[in-house]
């Protein structure tokens, strides 16, 4: 199945600190232009890791990009992420306004 280059995706991940996510965010938005926007918010997280229950704070991070840049963006997140097993989840944007999609494509130098 071929991806529609004129549609968008949201890639979600969690990070241990604002500093760790900002480094990646600045690289993919400003330097590489493979991501149009990054939203993040502090959250509480409860999970089991290596036999121990973890209850901590993390930053939920939402990367908005185009289908054209999704694979490169996911690879960049995995490469730079501080976790041993980073969460990298891609969600498709099935219903996006034309104006917002055009902005994302212009922001990421995607094919128009």
Protein backbone atom coordinates (compact mmCIF):
# COMPACT_ATOMS: atom_id res chain seq x y z
CA UNK A 1 0.00 0.00 0.00
CA UNK A 2 1.41 3.38 -1.01
CA UNK A 3 1.31 6.26 1.45
CA UNK A 4 -0.44 9.44 0.43
CA UNK A 5 2.31 12.07 0.57
CA UNK A 6 -0.27 14.80 1.11
CA UNK A 7 -1.51 13.45 4.42
CA UNK A 8 -0.13 13.76 7.88
CA UNK A 9 0.85 11.67 10.84
CA UNK A 10 1.25 12.18 14.54
CA UNK A 11 4.15 10.40 16.20
CA UNK A 12 3.94 10.09 19.96
CA UNK A 13 6.69 9.37 22.44
CA UNK A 14 7.48 9.92 26.10
CA UNK A 15 10.67 11.43 27.48
CA UNK A 16 12.19 11.58 30.97
CA UNK A 17 12.84 15.33 30.90
CA UNK A 18 12.03 18.49 29.02
CA UNK A 19 15.70 18.88 28.15
CA UNK A 20 15.86 15.45 26.48
CA UNK A 21 12.83 16.08 24.27
CA UNK A 22 13.77 19.66 23.37
CA UNK A 23 17.08 18.53 21.90
CA UNK A 24 15.31 16.16 19.52
CA UNK A 25 12.49 18.63 18.84
CA UNK A 26 14.84 21.44 17.83
CA UNK A 27 16.80 19.10 15.56
CA UNK A 28 13.76 17.75 13.69
CA UNK A 29 11.85 21.06 13.45
CA UNK A 30 14.60 23.63 12.92
CA UNK A 31 17.64 21.84 11.50
CA UNK A 32 16.24 18.89 9.55
CA UNK A 33 12.74 20.27 8.85
CA UNK A 34 11.19 16.80 9.01
CA UNK A 35 8.62 17.81 11.62
CA UNK A 36 6.25 20.78 11.51
CA UNK A 37 5.40 21.02 15.19
CA UNK A 38 6.12 19.38 18.54
CA UNK A 39 3.69 19.56 21.46
CA UNK A 40 4.62 18.31 24.90
CA UNK A 41 3.12 18.16 28.36
CA UNK A 42 4.22 16.77 31.73
CA UNK A 43 2.33 13.59 32.69
CA UNK A 44 2.33 10.94 35.42
CA UNK A 45 3.28 7.45 34.25
CA UNK A 46 2.75 4.09 35.95
CA UNK A 47 4.33 1.00 34.41
CA UNK A 48 6.35 -2.12 35.19
CA UNK A 49 10.00 -2.14 34.09
CA UNK A 50 12.46 -4.95 34.80
CA UNK A 51 10.20 -6.46 37.46
CA UNK A 52 9.69 -3.20 39.33
CA UNK A 53 6.65 -0.91 39.36
CA UNK A 54 7.62 2.59 38.24
CA UNK A 55 5.54 5.64 39.15
CA UNK A 56 7.18 8.70 37.67
CA UNK A 57 6.78 11.90 35.72
CA UNK A 58 7.51 12.02 32.01
CA UNK A 59 6.79 14.31 29.10
CA UNK A 60 4.26 13.11 26.53
CA UNK A 61 5.49 14.41 23.21
CA UNK A 62 3.48 14.71 20.00
CA UNK A 63 5.41 15.21 16.76
CA UNK A 64 3.32 16.37 13.76
CA UNK A 65 4.67 15.65 10.31
CA UNK A 66 3.78 14.44 6.82
CA UNK A 67 3.75 10.88 5.52
CA UNK A 68 6.77 11.82 3.42
CA UNK A 69 8.88 12.41 6.55
CA UNK A 70 7.42 9.89 9.01
CA UNK A 71 10.07 7.17 8.60
CA UNK A 72 12.96 9.62 8.85
CA UNK A 73 11.39 11.26 11.91
CA UNK A 74 10.84 7.93 13.69
CA UNK A 75 14.44 6.93 12.96
CA UNK A 76 15.70 10.25 14.36
CA UNK A 77 13.64 9.84 17.55
CA UNK A 78 14.92 6.28 18.07
CA UNK A 79 18.52 7.34 17.41
CA UNK A 80 18.50 10.26 19.87
CA UNK A 81 16.08 8.94 22.52
CA UNK A 82 17.55 8.40 26.00
CA UNK A 83 15.42 5.33 26.84
CA UNK A 84 16.61 1.79 26.18
CA UNK A 85 13.22 1.02 24.59
CA UNK A 86 11.61 4.28 23.45
CA UNK A 87 7.91 4.55 22.76
CA UNK A 88 7.44 5.55 19.12
CA UNK A 89 3.80 5.34 18.02
CA UNK A 90 2.55 6.59 14.66
CA UNK A 91 -1.07 7.67 14.25
CA UNK A 92 -2.45 8.67 10.87
CA UNK A 93 -4.26 11.97 10.40
CA UNK A 94 -7.27 10.86 8.37
CA UNK A 95 -9.20 14.11 8.58
CA UNK A 96 -7.03 17.25 8.51
CA UNK A 97 -8.05 20.69 7.27
CA UNK A 98 -6.45 21.67 3.97
CA UNK A 99 -4.96 24.81 5.51
CA UNK A 100 -3.28 22.88 8.35
CA UNK A 101 -2.00 20.17 5.99
CA UNK A 102 -0.58 22.84 3.66
CA UNK A 103 1.18 24.47 6.62
CA UNK A 104 2.69 21.12 7.68
CA UNK A 105 3.90 20.45 4.14
CA UNK A 106 5.47 23.92 3.86
CA UNK A 107 7.08 23.58 7.31
CA UNK A 108 8.70 20.26 6.43
CA UNK A 109 9.62 21.03 2.83
CA UNK A 110 7.32 18.18 1.75
CA UNK A 111 6.37 17.69 -1.86
CA UNK A 112 3.25 19.69 -2.66
